Amino acid sequence: MRVGDNALLTKRMLIDLSHSIEQFALAADPGDPLVVISLFQQFSYFRREAAVYREIAERGATTLVGVVAEFPPELPFGVRHQLLAADDPLAREWSVTVLGPHGGAALLAIDQEAVSADAPTLEQGRLFHGSWSFRREDAYHQVLRLRSQLGLPAATVAEIDAVLQ
């Protein structure tokens, strides 16, 4: 990806970028083929965003969340999940990707398991290396990567492939 390539990012920056990309998904024409894939390091992080993902799914998007958990979480209708083991390399990612026929957006950041010394709390001080883009080509490549690495059910792969066409 191009913008902010391998930039050092704070959790606050990632939250703001994630919300921008989620709004990008909500701005798409309802019924347009759209895929949204996001990875969450903890289910509690998803829970805070569940209403947005429910709305995205209600608009007809193929909506998938990867979450680090031992048991399938309770998700809004239309939101699919893929469980991630704590030792899976994807478990360290903060990732939000949206791909549609006319555009795309992607954020990919890797948890550095380090904290900024001047942060008011440990959680707020978490640091990541990452990049983001509002280019369809970059989102397309992220969807391909995640489609390959997540080990998804055939039906979900088929829905994603319909958008990739």
Foldseek 3Di string as FASTA:
>chain_A
DPALAQPKDFPVRLVVQQVVQLVVLVPDQQPFEKEKEWEDLAVVVVVVVQVSQLSSQVSPYQAEYEYADDDDDDGHPRYHYFYDHCPPQCSQWGKIKMATPPWIKIKIWGWPVDFDPPDPDRNRRTITTIGMDGGNVVSLVVLVVCLVPRPDDPVSNVSSVVRSD
